[in-house]
Amino acid sequence: QVQLVESGGGLVQAGGSLRLSCAASGRTFSTYAVGWFRQAPGKEREFVAAINWSGGTTYYADSVNGRFTISRDNAKNTVYLQMNSLKPEDTAVYYCAAGPTMVVVTTTPRYWGQGTQVTVSS
């Protein structure tokens, strides 16, 4: 069992930066791939980024590639999402999720956090 808790959301102006954290409990967290998703009001949840168990492989949605960076620190059981050059269209609730492989975490994650709100003002 893995429990995920996101933090770091908030209000930022367009062009600014935020770093989200996803803290996990569970001895097996370091073996899981982790992803970030987001859901804007009135829209479906969408994939943002994913990282494999070691941190050696990452994958991004086209809409954030080059602006967002996903990383992890397995010693701290934490995954990060550094978000730079934020745009108003990045406004959403951001969720982290975990699964045994990159394919699973990007399609049907096994575990979800409760989400953290990110609001980007223009």
PDB file of N, CA and C in Angstrom:
ATOM      1  N   GLN A   1       0.851  -1.188   0.000  1.00  0.00           N
ATOM      2  CA  GLN A   1       0.000   0.000   0.000  1.00  0.00           C
ATOM      3  C   GLN A   1       0.885   1.236   0.000  1.00  0.00           C
ATOM      4  N   VAL A   2       0.531   2.207  -0.823  1.00  0.00           N
ATOM      5  CA  VAL A   2       1.264   3.462  -0.906  1.00  0.00           C
ATOM      6  C   VAL A   2       0.275   4.602  -0.694  1.00  0.00           C
ATOM      7  N   GLN A   3       0.619   5.518   0.185  1.00  0.00           N
ATOM      8  CA  GLN A   3      -0.191   6.725   0.388  1.00  0.00           C
ATOM      9  C   GLN A   3       0.602   7.926  -0.092  1.00  0.00           C
ATOM     10  N   LEU A   4      -0.063   8.829  -0.796  1.00  0.00           N
ATOM     11  CA  LEU A   4       0.587   9.971  -1.424  1.00  0.00           C
ATOM     12  C   LEU A   4      -0.030  11.269  -0.930  1.00  0.00           C
ATOM     13  N   VAL A   5       0.825  12.241  -0.609  1.00  0.00           N
ATOM     14  CA  VAL A   5       0.355  13.543  -0.139  1.00  0.00           C
ATOM     15  C   VAL A   5       1.085  14.628  -0.914  1.00  0.00           C
ATOM     16  N   GLU A   6       0.324  15.445  -1.648  1.00  0.00           N
ATOM     17  CA  GLU A   6       0.907  16.535  -2.416  1.00  0.00           C
ATOM     18  C   GLU A   6       0.970  17.819  -1.587  1.00  0.00           C
ATOM     19  N   SER A   7       1.932  18.657  -1.924  1.00  0.00           N
ATOM     20  CA  SER A   7       2.037  19.974  -1.299  1.00  0.00           C
ATOM     21  C   SER A   7       2.762  20.899  -2.264  1.00  0.00           C
ATOM     22  N   GLY A   8       2.735  22.194  -1.951  1.00  0.00           N
ATOM     23  CA  GLY A   8       3.475  23.161  -2.744  1.00  0.00           C
ATOM     24  C   GLY A   8       2.644  23.984  -3.701  1.00  0.00           C
ATOM     25  N   GLY A   9       1.360  23.692  -3.779  1.00  0.00           N
ATOM     26  CA  GLY A   9       0.515  24.483  -4.664  1.00  0.00           C
ATOM     27  C   GLY A   9       0.303  25.890  -4.126  1.00  0.00           C
ATOM     28  N   GLY A  10      -0.280  26.740  -4.951  1.00  0.00           N
ATOM     29  CA  GLY A  10      -0.542  28.103  -4.527  1.00  0.00           C
ATOM     30  C   GLY A  10      -0.897  28.994  -5.692  1.00  0.00           C
ATOM     31  N   LEU A  11      -0.847  30.305  -5.421  1.00  0.00           N
ATOM     32  CA  LEU A  11      -1.151  31.314  -6.427  1.00  0.00           C
ATOM     33  C   LEU A  11       0.147  31.951  -6.903  1.00  0.00           C
ATOM     34  N   VAL A  12       0.322  32.031  -8.205  1.00  0.00           N
ATOM     35  CA  VAL A  12       1.535  32.614  -8.779  1.00  0.00           C
ATOM     36  C   VAL A  12       1.160  33.388 -10.038  1.00  0.00           C
ATOM     37  N   GLN A  13       1.947  34.401 -10.344  1.00  0.00           N
ATOM     38  CA  GLN A  13       1.706  35.162 -11.567  1.00  0.00           C
ATOM     39  C   GLN A  13       2.264  34.428 -12.780  1.00  0.00           C
ATOM     40  N   ALA A  14       1.695  34.715 -13.917  1.00  0.00           N
ATOM     41  CA  ALA A  14       2.188  34.128 -15.161  1.00  0.00           C
ATOM     42  C   ALA A  14       3.676  34.429 -15.314  1.00  0.00           C
ATOM     43  N   GLY A  15       4.404  33.413 -15.740  1.00  0.00           N
ATOM     44  CA  GLY A  15       5.849  33.525 -15.863  1.00  0.00           C
ATOM     45  C   GLY A  15       6.611  33.090 -14.631  1.00  0.00           C
ATOM     46  N   GLY A  16       5.894  32.888 -13.554  1.00  0.00           N
ATOM     47  CA  GLY A  16       6.529  32.486 -12.306  1.00  0.00           C
ATOM     48  C   GLY A  16       6.759  30.992 -12.209  1.00  0.00           C
ATOM     49  N   SER A  17       7.204  30.563 -11.030  1.00  0.00           N
ATOM     50  CA  SER A  17       7.568  29.161 -10.799  1.00  0.00           C
ATOM     51  C   SER A  17       6.956  28.646  -9.501  1.00  0.00           C
ATOM     52  N   LEU A  18       6.729  27.362  -9.470  1.00  0.00           N
ATOM     53  CA  LEU A  18       6.323  26.655  -8.258  1.00  0.00           C
ATOM     54  C   LEU A  18       6.975  25.279  -8.276  1.00  0.00           C
ATOM     55  N   ARG A  19       7.200  24.732  -7.092  1.00  0.00           N
ATOM     56  CA  ARG A  19       7.666  23.351  -7.004  1.00  0.00           C
ATOM     57  C   ARG A  19       6.675  22.556  -6.164  1.00  0.00           C
ATOM     58  N   LEU A  20       6.097  21.548  -6.779  1.00  0.00           N
ATOM     59  CA  LEU A  20       5.201  20.648  -6.072  1.00  0.00           C
ATOM     60  C   LEU A  20       5.979  19.468  -5.519  1.00  0.00           C
ATOM     61  N   SER A  21       5.526  18.976  -4.376  1.00  0.00           N
ATOM     62  CA  SER A  21       6.124  17.782  -3.779  1.00  0.00           C
ATOM     63  C   SER A  21       5.054  16.724  -3.596  1.00  0.00           C
ATOM     64  N   CYS A  22       5.457  15.484  -3.726  1.00  0.00           N
ATOM     65  CA  CYS A  22       4.585  14.337  -3.487  1.00  0.00           C
ATOM     66  C   CYS A  22       5.320  13.434  -2.511  1.00  0.00           C
ATOM     67  N   ALA A  23       4.869  13.453  -1.269  1.00  0.00           N
ATOM     68  CA  ALA A  23       5.494  12.637  -0.229  1.00  0.00           C
ATOM     69  C   ALA A  23       4.736  11.327  -0.108  1.00  0.00           C
ATOM     70  N   ALA A  24       5.481  10.233  -0.046  1.00  0.00           N
ATOM     71  CA  ALA A  24       4.856   8.914  -0.039  1.00  0.00           C
ATOM     72  C   ALA A  24       5.197   8.136   1.209  1.00  0.00           C
ATOM     73  N   SER A  25       4.273   7.318   1.618  1.00  0.00           N
ATOM     74  CA  SER A  25       4.537   6.357   2.685  1.00  0.00           C
ATOM     75  C   SER A  25       4.505   4.972   2.071  1.00  0.00           C
ATOM     76  N   GLY A  26       5.199   4.037   2.692  1.00  0.00           N
ATOM     77  CA  GLY A  26       5.233   2.691   2.146  1.00  0.00           C
ATOM     78  C   GLY A  26       6.634   2.287   1.771  1.00  0.00           C
ATOM     79  N   ARG A  27       7.016   1.092   2.189  1.00  0.00           N
ATOM     80  CA  ARG A  27       8.391   0.649   1.979  1.00  0.00           C
ATOM     81  C   ARG A  27       8.723   0.441   0.514  1.00  0.00           C
ATOM     82  N   THR A  28       7.699   0.198  -0.313  1.00  0.00           N
ATOM     83  CA  THR A  28       7.964  -0.147  -1.706  1.00  0.00           C
ATOM     84  C   THR A  28       7.918   1.047  -2.640  1.00  0.00           C
ATOM     85  N   PHE A  29       7.795   2.260  -2.096  1.00  0.00           N
ATOM     86  CA  PHE A  29       7.631   3.432  -2.950  1.00  0.00           C
ATOM     87  C   PHE A  29       8.786   3.562  -3.932  1.00  0.00           C
ATOM     88  N   SER A  30       9.985   3.263  -3.500  1.00  0.00           N
ATOM     89  CA  SER A  30      11.152   3.441  -4.365  1.00  0.00           C
ATOM     90  C   SER A  30      11.134   2.509  -5.574  1.00  0.00           C
ATOM     91  N   THR A  31      10.263   1.530  -5.564  1.00  0.00           N
ATOM     92  CA  THR A  31      10.151   0.620  -6.709  1.00  0.00           C
ATOM     93  C   THR A  31       9.061   1.038  -7.688  1.00  0.00           C
ATOM     94  N   TYR A  32       8.310   2.085  -7.363  1.00  0.00           N
ATOM     95  CA  TYR A  32       7.181   2.506  -8.176  1.00  0.00           C
ATOM     96  C   TYR A  32       7.543   3.644  -9.119  1.00  0.00           C
ATOM     97  N   ALA A  33       6.930   3.639 -10.284  1.00  0.00           N
ATOM     98  CA  ALA A  33       6.918   4.823 -11.142  1.00  0.00           C
ATOM     99  C   ALA A  33       5.894   5.808 -10.576  1.00  0.00           C
ATOM    100  N   VAL A  34       6.159   7.087 -10.771  1.00  0.00           N
ATOM    101  CA  VAL A  34       5.272   8.131 -10.236  1.00  0.00           C
ATOM    102  C   VAL A  34       4.929   9.122 -11.341  1.00  0.00           C
ATOM    103  N   GLY A  35       3.704   9.545 -11.348  1.00  0.00           N
ATOM    104  CA  GLY A  35       3.277  10.522 -12.344  1.00  0.00           C
ATOM    105  C   GLY A  35       2.564  11.692 -11.711  1.00  0.00           C
ATOM    106  N   TRP A  36       2.530  12.784 -12.457  1.00  0.00           N
ATOM    107  CA  TRP A  36       1.726  13.944 -12.091  1.00  0.00           C
ATOM    108  C   TRP A  36       0.626  14.113 -13.144  1.00  0.00           C
ATOM    109  N   PHE A  37      -0.559  14.407 -12.650  1.00  0.00           N
ATOM    110  CA  PHE A  37      -1.715  14.686 -13.495  1.00  0.00           C
ATOM    111  C   PHE A  37      -2.323  16.003 -13.042  1.00  0.00           C
ATOM    112  N   ARG A  38      -3.186  16.572 -13.866  1.00  0.00           N
ATOM    113  CA  ARG A  38      -3.882  17.784 -13.456  1.00  0.00           C
ATOM    114  C   ARG A  38      -5.299  17.795 -14.004  1.00  0.00           C
ATOM    115  N   GLN A  39      -6.152  18.510 -13.305  1.00  0.00           N
ATOM    116  CA  GLN A  39      -7.527  18.631 -13.738  1.00  0.00           C
ATOM    117  C   GLN A  39      -7.989  20.080 -13.547  1.00  0.00           C
ATOM    118  N   ALA A  40      -8.301  20.716 -14.656  1.00  0.00           N
ATOM    119  CA  ALA A  40      -8.813  22.075 -14.627  1.00  0.00           C
ATOM    120  C   ALA A  40     -10.330  22.033 -14.520  1.00  0.00           C
ATOM    121  N   PRO A  41     -10.943  23.116 -14.034  1.00  0.00           N
ATOM    122  CA  PRO A  41     -12.408  23.140 -13.907  1.00  0.00           C
ATOM    123  C   PRO A  41     -13.096  22.853 -15.232  1.00  0.00           C
ATOM    124  N   GLY A  42     -14.040  21.917 -15.201  1.00  0.00           N
ATOM    125  CA  GLY A  42     -14.800  21.584 -16.388  1.00  0.00           C
ATOM    126  C   GLY A  42     -14.069  20.732 -17.400  1.00  0.00           C
ATOM    127  N   LYS A  43     -12.876  20.298 -17.057  1.00  0.00           N
ATOM    128  CA  LYS A  43     -12.089  19.477 -17.993  1.00  0.00           C
ATOM    129  C   LYS A  43     -11.747  18.129 -17.369  1.00  0.00           C
ATOM    130  N   GLU A  44     -11.374  17.204 -18.229  1.00  0.00           N
ATOM    131  CA  GLU A  44     -10.970  15.893 -17.746  1.00  0.00           C
ATOM    132  C   GLU A  44      -9.548  15.947 -17.194  1.00  0.00           C
ATOM    133  N   ARG A  45      -9.255  15.018 -16.307  1.00  0.00           N
ATOM    134  CA  ARG A  45      -7.904  14.920 -15.774  1.00  0.00           C
ATOM    135  C   ARG A  45      -6.957  14.553 -16.905  1.00  0.00           C
ATOM    136  N   GLU A  46      -5.775  15.180 -16.931  1.00  0.00           N
ATOM    137  CA  GLU A  46      -4.813  14.909 -17.982  1.00  0.00           C
ATOM    138  C   GLU A  46      -3.430  14.628 -17.407  1.00  0.00           C
ATOM    139  N   PHE A  47      -2.698  13.846 -18.146  1.00  0.00           N
ATOM    140  CA  PHE A  47      -1.326  13.490 -17.774  1.00  0.00           C
ATOM    141  C   PHE A  47      -0.412  14.694 -17.942  1.00  0.00           C
ATOM    142  N   VAL A  48       0.538  14.840 -17.014  1.00  0.00           N
ATOM    143  CA  VAL A  48       1.515  15.936 -17.068  1.00  0.00           C
ATOM    144  C   VAL A  48       2.937  15.400 -17.228  1.00  0.00           C
ATOM    145  N   ALA A  49       3.356  14.509 -16.328  1.00  0.00           N
ATOM    146  CA  ALA A  49       4.736  14.022 -16.358  1.00  0.00           C
ATOM    147  C   ALA A  49       4.823  12.733 -15.570  1.00  0.00           C
ATOM    148  N   ALA A  50       5.853  11.937 -15.858  1.00  0.00           N
ATOM    149  CA  ALA A  50       6.081  10.695 -15.134  1.00  0.00           C
ATOM    150  C   ALA A  50       7.572  10.429 -15.016  1.00  0.00           C
ATOM    151  N   ILE A  51       7.923   9.645 -14.001  1.00  0.00           N
ATOM    152  CA  ILE A  51       9.313   9.286 -13.756  1.00  0.00           C
ATOM    153  C   ILE A  51       9.360   7.835 -13.308  1.00  0.00           C
ATOM    154  N   ASN A  52      10.375   7.107 -13.771  1.00  0.00           N
ATOM    155  CA  ASN A  52      10.441   5.699 -13.392  1.00  0.00           C
ATOM    156  C   ASN A  52      11.035   5.544 -12.001  1.00  0.00           C
ATOM    157  N   TRP A  53      11.186   4.302 -11.542  1.00  0.00           N
ATOM    158  CA  TRP A  53      11.556   4.054 -10.149  1.00  0.00           C
ATOM    159  C   TRP A  53      12.927   4.629  -9.792  1.00  0.00           C
ATOM    160  N   SER A  54      13.838   4.628 -10.743  1.00  0.00           N
ATOM    161  CA  SER A  54      15.196   5.077 -10.446  1.00  0.00           C
ATOM    162  C   SER A  54      15.396   6.563 -10.729  1.00  0.00           C
ATOM    163  N   GLY A  55      14.476   7.164 -11.461  1.00  0.00           N
ATOM    164  CA  GLY A  55      14.669   8.546 -11.887  1.00  0.00           C
ATOM    165  C   GLY A  55      15.390   8.663 -13.207  1.00  0.00           C
ATOM    166  N   GLY A  56      15.756   7.533 -13.795  1.00  0.00           N
ATOM    167  CA  GLY A  56      16.534   7.565 -15.021  1.00  0.00           C
ATOM    168  C   GLY A  56      15.720   7.804 -16.282  1.00  0.00           C
ATOM    169  N   THR A  57      14.416   7.642 -16.175  1.00  0.00           N
ATOM    170  CA  THR A  57      13.539   7.841 -17.330  1.00  0.00           C
ATOM    171  C   THR A  57      12.407   8.787 -16.942  1.00  0.00           C
ATOM    172  N   THR A  58      12.205   9.792 -17.764  1.00  0.00           N
ATOM    173  CA  THR A  58      11.114  10.732 -17.545  1.00  0.00           C
ATOM    174  C   THR A  58      10.318  10.916 -18.832  1.00  0.00           C
ATOM    175  N   TYR A  59       9.093  11.362 -18.679  1.00  0.00           N
ATOM    176  CA  TYR A  59       8.206  11.515 -19.829  1.00  0.00           C
ATOM    177  C   TYR A  59       7.271  12.677 -19.529  1.00  0.00           C
ATOM    178  N   TYR A  60       7.041  13.540 -20.541  1.00  0.00           N
ATOM    179  CA  TYR A  60       6.253  14.748 -20.337  1.00  0.00           C
ATOM    180  C   TYR A  60       5.174  14.894 -21.398  1.00  0.00           C
ATOM    181  N   ALA A  61       4.091  15.516 -20.999  1.00  0.00           N
ATOM    182  CA  ALA A  61       3.098  15.935 -21.979  1.00  0.00           C
ATOM    183  C   ALA A  61       3.687  17.067 -22.821  1.00  0.00           C
ATOM    184  N   ASP A  62       3.265  17.153 -24.063  1.00  0.00           N
ATOM    185  CA  ASP A  62       3.791  18.193 -24.953  1.00  0.00           C
ATOM    186  C   ASP A  62       3.553  19.591 -24.386  1.00  0.00           C
ATOM    187  N   SER A  63       2.433  19.754 -23.690  1.00  0.00           N
ATOM    188  CA  SER A  63       2.055  21.082 -23.207  1.00  0.00           C
ATOM    189  C   SER A  63       2.990  21.615 -22.124  1.00  0.00           C
ATOM    190  N   VAL A  64       3.762  20.739 -21.478  1.00  0.00           N
ATOM    191  CA  VAL A  64       4.647  21.184 -20.386  1.00  0.00           C
ATOM    192  C   VAL A  64       6.110  20.886 -20.678  1.00  0.00           C
ATOM    193  N   ASN A  65       6.397  20.162 -21.721  1.00  0.00           N
ATOM    194  CA  ASN A  65       7.772  19.783 -22.042  1.00  0.00           C
ATOM    195  C   ASN A  65       8.634  21.032 -22.232  1.00  0.00           C
ATOM    196  N   GLY A  66       9.754  21.054 -21.527  1.00  0.00           N
ATOM    197  CA  GLY A  66      10.647  22.205 -21.585  1.00  0.00           C
ATOM    198  C   GLY A  66      10.376  23.240 -20.509  1.00  0.00           C
ATOM    199  N   ARG A  67       9.229  23.158 -19.842  1.00  0.00           N
ATOM    200  CA  ARG A  67       8.901  24.095 -18.763  1.00  0.00           C
ATOM    201  C   ARG A  67       8.858  23.399 -17.407  1.00  0.00           C
ATOM    202  N   PHE A  68       8.414  22.154 -17.381  1.00  0.00           N
ATOM    203  CA  PHE A  68       8.294  21.395 -16.134  1.00  0.00           C
ATOM    204  C   PHE A  68       9.386  20.336 -16.071  1.00  0.00           C
ATOM    205  N   THR A  69       9.836  20.037 -14.847  1.00  0.00           N
ATOM    206  CA  THR A  69      10.822  18.985 -14.627  1.00  0.00           C
ATOM    207  C   THR A  69      10.377  18.117 -13.464  1.00  0.00           C
ATOM    208  N   ILE A  70      10.303  16.811 -13.708  1.00  0.00           N
ATOM    209  CA  ILE A  70       9.967  15.856 -12.654  1.00  0.00           C
ATOM    210  C   ILE A  70      11.251  15.215 -12.149  1.00  0.00           C
ATOM    211  N   SER A  71      11.329  15.024 -10.852  1.00  0.00           N
ATOM    212  CA  SER A  71      12.510  14.382 -10.250  1.00  0.00           C
ATOM    213  C   SER A  71      12.065  13.645  -8.995  1.00  0.00           C
ATOM    214  N   ARG A  72      12.958  12.829  -8.454  1.00  0.00           N
ATOM    215  CA  ARG A  72      12.608  12.099  -7.228  1.00  0.00           C
ATOM    216  C   ARG A  72      13.821  11.928  -6.354  1.00  0.00           C
ATOM    217  N   ASP A  73      13.550  11.779  -5.062  1.00  0.00           N
ATOM    218  CA  ASP A  73      14.564  11.483  -4.055  1.00  0.00           C
ATOM    219  C   ASP A  73      14.041  10.288  -3.279  1.00  0.00           C
ATOM    220  N   ASN A  74      14.503   9.108  -3.641  1.00  0.00           N
ATOM    221  CA  ASN A  74      13.977   7.899  -3.006  1.00  0.00           C
ATOM    222  C   ASN A  74      14.371   7.794  -1.528  1.00  0.00           C
ATOM    223  N   ALA A  75      15.458   8.414  -1.143  1.00  0.00           N
ATOM    224  CA  ALA A  75      15.839   8.415   0.274  1.00  0.00           C
ATOM    225  C   ALA A  75      14.817   9.175   1.111  1.00  0.00           C
ATOM    226  N   LYS A  76      14.145  10.142   0.483  1.00  0.00           N
ATOM    227  CA  LYS A  76      13.128  10.930   1.175  1.00  0.00           C
ATOM    228  C   LYS A  76      11.715  10.506   0.801  1.00  0.00           C
ATOM    229  N   ASN A  77      11.586   9.476  -0.033  1.00  0.00           N
ATOM    230  CA  ASN A  77      10.264   9.027  -0.484  1.00  0.00           C
ATOM    231  C   ASN A  77       9.447  10.187  -1.064  1.00  0.00           C
ATOM    232  N   THR A  78      10.093  11.000  -1.874  1.00  0.00           N
ATOM    233  CA  THR A  78       9.439  12.194  -2.396  1.00  0.00           C
ATOM    234  C   THR A  78       9.716  12.367  -3.888  1.00  0.00           C
ATOM    235  N   VAL A  79       8.687  12.790  -4.591  1.00  0.00           N
ATOM    236  CA  VAL A  79       8.800  13.150  -6.006  1.00  0.00           C
ATOM    237  C   VAL A  79       8.436  14.616  -6.140  1.00  0.00           C
ATOM    238  N   TYR A  80       9.148  15.305  -7.013  1.00  0.00           N
ATOM    239  CA  TYR A  80       8.963  16.742  -7.183  1.00  0.00           C
ATOM    240  C   TYR A  80       8.508  17.059  -8.614  1.00  0.00           C
ATOM    241  N   LEU A  81       7.806  18.168  -8.736  1.00  0.00           N
ATOM    242  CA  LEU A  81       7.489  18.706 -10.055  1.00  0.00           C
ATOM    243  C   LEU A  81       7.848  20.190 -10.026  1.00  0.00           C
ATOM    244  N   GLN A  82       8.960  20.529 -10.668  1.00  0.00           N
ATOM    245  CA  GLN A  82       9.373  21.915 -10.789  1.00  0.00           C
ATOM    246  C   GLN A  82       8.674  22.509 -11.996  1.00  0.00           C
ATOM    247  N   MET A  83       7.914  23.562 -11.760  1.00  0.00           N
ATOM    248  CA  MET A  83       7.126  24.184 -12.829  1.00  0.00           C
ATOM    249  C   MET A  83       7.628  25.607 -13.046  1.00  0.00           C
ATOM    250  N   ASN A  84       8.167  25.852 -14.227  1.00  0.00           N
ATOM    251  CA  ASN A  84       8.682  27.168 -14.587  1.00  0.00           C
ATOM    252  C   ASN A  84       7.860  27.761 -15.732  1.00  0.00           C
ATOM    253  N   SER A  85       8.009  29.053 -15.930  1.00  0.00           N
ATOM    254  CA  SER A  85       7.309  29.753 -17.022  1.00  0.00           C
ATOM    255  C   SER A  85       5.818  29.411 -17.028  1.00  0.00           C
ATOM    256  N   LEU A  86       5.219  29.500 -15.865  1.00  0.00           N
ATOM    257  CA  LEU A  86       3.817  29.095 -15.736  1.00  0.00           C
ATOM    258  C   LEU A  86       2.898  30.009 -16.527  1.00  0.00           C
ATOM    259  N   LYS A  87       1.832  29.399 -17.037  1.00  0.00           N
ATOM    260  CA  LYS A  87       0.839  30.102 -17.847  1.00  0.00           C
ATOM    261  C   LYS A  87      -0.534  29.977 -17.178  1.00  0.00           C
ATOM    262  N   PRO A  88      -1.433  30.891 -17.452  1.00  0.00           N
ATOM    263  CA  PRO A  88      -2.779  30.767 -16.869  1.00  0.00           C
ATOM    264  C   PRO A  88      -3.436  29.424 -17.185  1.00  0.00           C
ATOM    265  N   GLU A  89      -3.138  28.860 -18.341  1.00  0.00           N
ATOM    266  CA  GLU A  89      -3.726  27.564 -18.692  1.00  0.00           C
ATOM    267  C   GLU A  89      -3.155  26.398 -17.904  1.00  0.00           C
ATOM    268  N   ASP A  90      -2.139  26.643 -17.092  1.00  0.00           N
ATOM    269  CA  ASP A  90      -1.634  25.611 -16.185  1.00  0.00           C
ATOM    270  C   ASP A  90      -2.458  25.536 -14.901  1.00  0.00           C
ATOM    271  N   THR A  91      -3.393  26.447 -14.723  1.00  0.00           N
ATOM    272  CA  THR A  91      -4.241  26.435 -13.538  1.00  0.00           C
ATOM    273  C   THR A  91      -5.054  25.147 -13.470  1.00  0.00           C
ATOM    274  N   ALA A  92      -4.937  24.449 -12.347  1.00  0.00           N
ATOM    275  CA  ALA A  92      -5.600  23.161 -12.180  1.00  0.00           C
ATOM    276  C   ALA A  92      -5.318  22.627 -10.786  1.00  0.00           C
ATOM    277  N   VAL A  93      -6.016  21.556 -10.441  1.00  0.00           N
ATOM    278  CA  VAL A  93      -5.626  20.757  -9.284  1.00  0.00           C
ATOM    279  C   VAL A  93      -4.629  19.714  -9.783  1.00  0.00           C
ATOM    280  N   TYR A  94      -3.498  19.654  -9.138  1.00  0.00           N
ATOM    281  CA  TYR A  94      -2.443  18.731  -9.530  1.00  0.00           C
ATOM    282  C   TYR A  94      -2.421  17.534  -8.582  1.00  0.00           C
ATOM    283  N   TYR A  95      -2.383  16.352  -9.185  1.00  0.00           N
ATOM    284  CA  TYR A  95      -2.387  15.102  -8.428  1.00  0.00           C
ATOM    285  C   TYR A  95      -1.125  14.305  -8.732  1.00  0.00           C
ATOM    286  N   CYS A  96      -0.575  13.668  -7.731  1.00  0.00           N
ATOM    287  CA  CYS A  96       0.454  12.679  -8.022  1.00  0.00           C
ATOM    288  C   CYS A  96      -0.166  11.290  -7.923  1.00  0.00           C
ATOM    289  N   ALA A  97       0.445  10.357  -8.623  1.00  0.00           N
ATOM    290  CA  ALA A  97      -0.066   8.998  -8.712  1.00  0.00           C
ATOM    291  C   ALA A  97       1.110   8.044  -8.817  1.00  0.00           C
ATOM    292  N   ALA A  98       0.899   6.806  -8.422  1.00  0.00           N
ATOM    293  CA  ALA A  98       1.968   5.818  -8.448  1.00  0.00           C
ATOM    294  C   ALA A  98       1.476   4.515  -9.057  1.00  0.00           C
ATOM    295  N   GLY A  99       2.393   3.821  -9.685  1.00  0.00           N
ATOM    296  CA  GLY A  99       2.091   2.528 -10.275  1.00  0.00           C
ATOM    297  C   GLY A  99       3.365   1.736 -10.466  1.00  0.00           C
ATOM    298  N   PRO A 100       3.266   0.451 -10.724  1.00  0.00           N
ATOM    299  CA  PRO A 100       4.455  -0.408 -10.798  1.00  0.00           C
ATOM    300  C   PRO A 100       5.340  -0.157 -12.006  1.00  0.00           C
ATOM    301  N   THR A 101       4.779   0.414 -13.081  1.00  0.00           N
ATOM    302  CA  THR A 101       5.577   0.670 -14.279  1.00  0.00           C
ATOM    303  C   THR A 101       5.188   2.014 -14.888  1.00  0.00           C
ATOM    304  N   MET A 102       5.990   2.506 -15.826  1.00  0.00           N
ATOM    305  CA  MET A 102       5.677   3.757 -16.506  1.00  0.00           C
ATOM    306  C   MET A 102       4.380   3.626 -17.307  1.00  0.00           C
ATOM    307  N   VAL A 103       4.166   2.472 -17.929  1.00  0.00           N
ATOM    308  CA  VAL A 103       2.939   2.294 -18.705  1.00  0.00           C
ATOM    309  C   VAL A 103       1.722   2.389 -17.784  1.00  0.00           C
ATOM    310  N   VAL A 104       1.800   1.719 -16.653  1.00  0.00           N
ATOM    311  CA  VAL A 104       0.661   1.742 -15.727  1.00  0.00           C
ATOM    312  C   VAL A 104       0.452   3.138 -15.163  1.00  0.00           C
ATOM    313  N   VAL A 105       1.523   3.804 -14.757  1.00  0.00           N
ATOM    314  CA  VAL A 105       1.337   5.093 -14.089  1.00  0.00           C
ATOM    315  C   VAL A 105       0.824   6.161 -15.053  1.00  0.00           C
ATOM    316  N   THR A 106       1.094   6.027 -16.331  1.00  0.00           N
ATOM    317  CA  THR A 106       0.602   7.022 -17.285  1.00  0.00           C
ATOM    318  C   THR A 106      -0.803   6.712 -17.796  1.00  0.00           C
ATOM    319  N   THR A 107      -1.306   5.524 -17.504  1.00  0.00           N
ATOM    320  CA  THR A 107      -2.633   5.150 -18.026  1.00  0.00           C
ATOM    321  C   THR A 107      -3.640   4.837 -16.923  1.00  0.00           C
ATOM    322  N   THR A 108      -3.295   3.931 -16.027  1.00  0.00           N
ATOM    323  CA  THR A 108      -4.214   3.511 -14.966  1.00  0.00           C
ATOM    324  C   THR A 108      -3.460   3.404 -13.646  1.00  0.00           C
ATOM    325  N   PRO A 109      -3.057   4.540 -13.072  1.00  0.00           N
ATOM    326  CA  PRO A 109      -2.293   4.492 -11.819  1.00  0.00           C
ATOM    327  C   PRO A 109      -3.021   3.731 -10.719  1.00  0.00           C
ATOM    328  N   ARG A 110      -2.224   3.113  -9.856  1.00  0.00           N
ATOM    329  CA  ARG A 110      -2.801   2.313  -8.796  1.00  0.00           C
ATOM    330  C   ARG A 110      -3.147   3.152  -7.564  1.00  0.00           C
ATOM    331  N   TYR A 111      -2.353   4.188  -7.305  1.00  0.00           N
ATOM    332  CA  TYR A 111      -2.555   5.003  -6.110  1.00  0.00           C
ATOM    333  C   TYR A 111      -2.603   6.481  -6.515  1.00  0.00           C
ATOM    334  N   TRP A 112      -3.426   7.243  -5.773  1.00  0.00           N
ATOM    335  CA  TRP A 112      -3.588   8.681  -6.048  1.00  0.00           C
ATOM    336  C   TRP A 112      -3.459   9.478  -4.756  1.00  0.00           C
ATOM    337  N   GLY A 113      -2.931  10.698  -4.898  1.00  0.00           N
ATOM    338  CA  GLY A 113      -2.976  11.646  -3.801  1.00  0.00           C
ATOM    339  C   GLY A 113      -4.278  12.437  -3.845  1.00  0.00           C
ATOM    340  N   GLN A 114      -4.400  13.373  -2.903  1.00  0.00           N
ATOM    341  CA  GLN A 114      -5.649  14.126  -2.786  1.00  0.00           C
ATOM    342  C   GLN A 114      -5.645  15.392  -3.633  1.00  0.00           C
ATOM    343  N   GLY A 115      -4.492  15.800  -4.133  1.00  0.00           N
ATOM    344  CA  GLY A 115      -4.407  16.957  -5.015  1.00  0.00           C
ATOM    345  C   GLY A 115      -3.995  18.234  -4.312  1.00  0.00           C
ATOM    346  N   THR A 116      -3.391  19.142  -5.078  1.00  0.00           N
ATOM    347  CA  THR A 116      -3.033  20.465  -4.578  1.00  0.00           C
ATOM    348  C   THR A 116      -3.356  21.481  -5.679  1.00  0.00           C
ATOM    349  N   GLN A 117      -3.928  22.613  -5.271  1.00  0.00           N
ATOM    350  CA  GLN A 117      -4.400  23.606  -6.230  1.00  0.00           C
ATOM    351  C   GLN A 117      -3.241  24.496  -6.686  1.00  0.00           C
ATOM    352  N   VAL A 118      -3.145  24.679  -7.993  1.00  0.00           N
ATOM    353  CA  VAL A 118      -2.207  25.633  -8.590  1.00  0.00           C
ATOM    354  C   VAL A 118      -3.023  26.634  -9.392  1.00  0.00           C
ATOM    355  N   THR A 119      -2.851  27.910  -9.073  1.00  0.00           N
ATOM    356  CA  THR A 119      -3.554  28.964  -9.781  1.00  0.00           C
ATOM    357  C   THR A 119      -2.543  29.952 -10.344  1.00  0.00           C
ATOM    358  N   VAL A 120      -2.620  30.175 -11.650  1.00  0.00           N
ATOM    359  CA  VAL A 120      -1.704  31.090 -12.319  1.00  0.00           C
ATOM    360  C   VAL A 120      -2.509  32.280 -12.827  1.00  0.00           C
ATOM    361  N   SER A 121      -2.184  33.451 -12.308  1.00  0.00           N
ATOM    362  CA  SER A 121      -2.902  34.651 -12.707  1.00  0.00           C
ATOM    363  C   SER A 121      -2.214  35.325 -13.885  1.00  0.00           C
ATOM    364  N   SER A 122      -3.018  35.979 -14.717  1.00  0.00           N
ATOM    365  CA  SER A 122      -2.457  36.633 -15.908  1.00  0.00           C
ATOM    366  C   SER A 122      -2.085  38.085 -15.619  1.00  0.00           C
TER     367      SER A 122
END
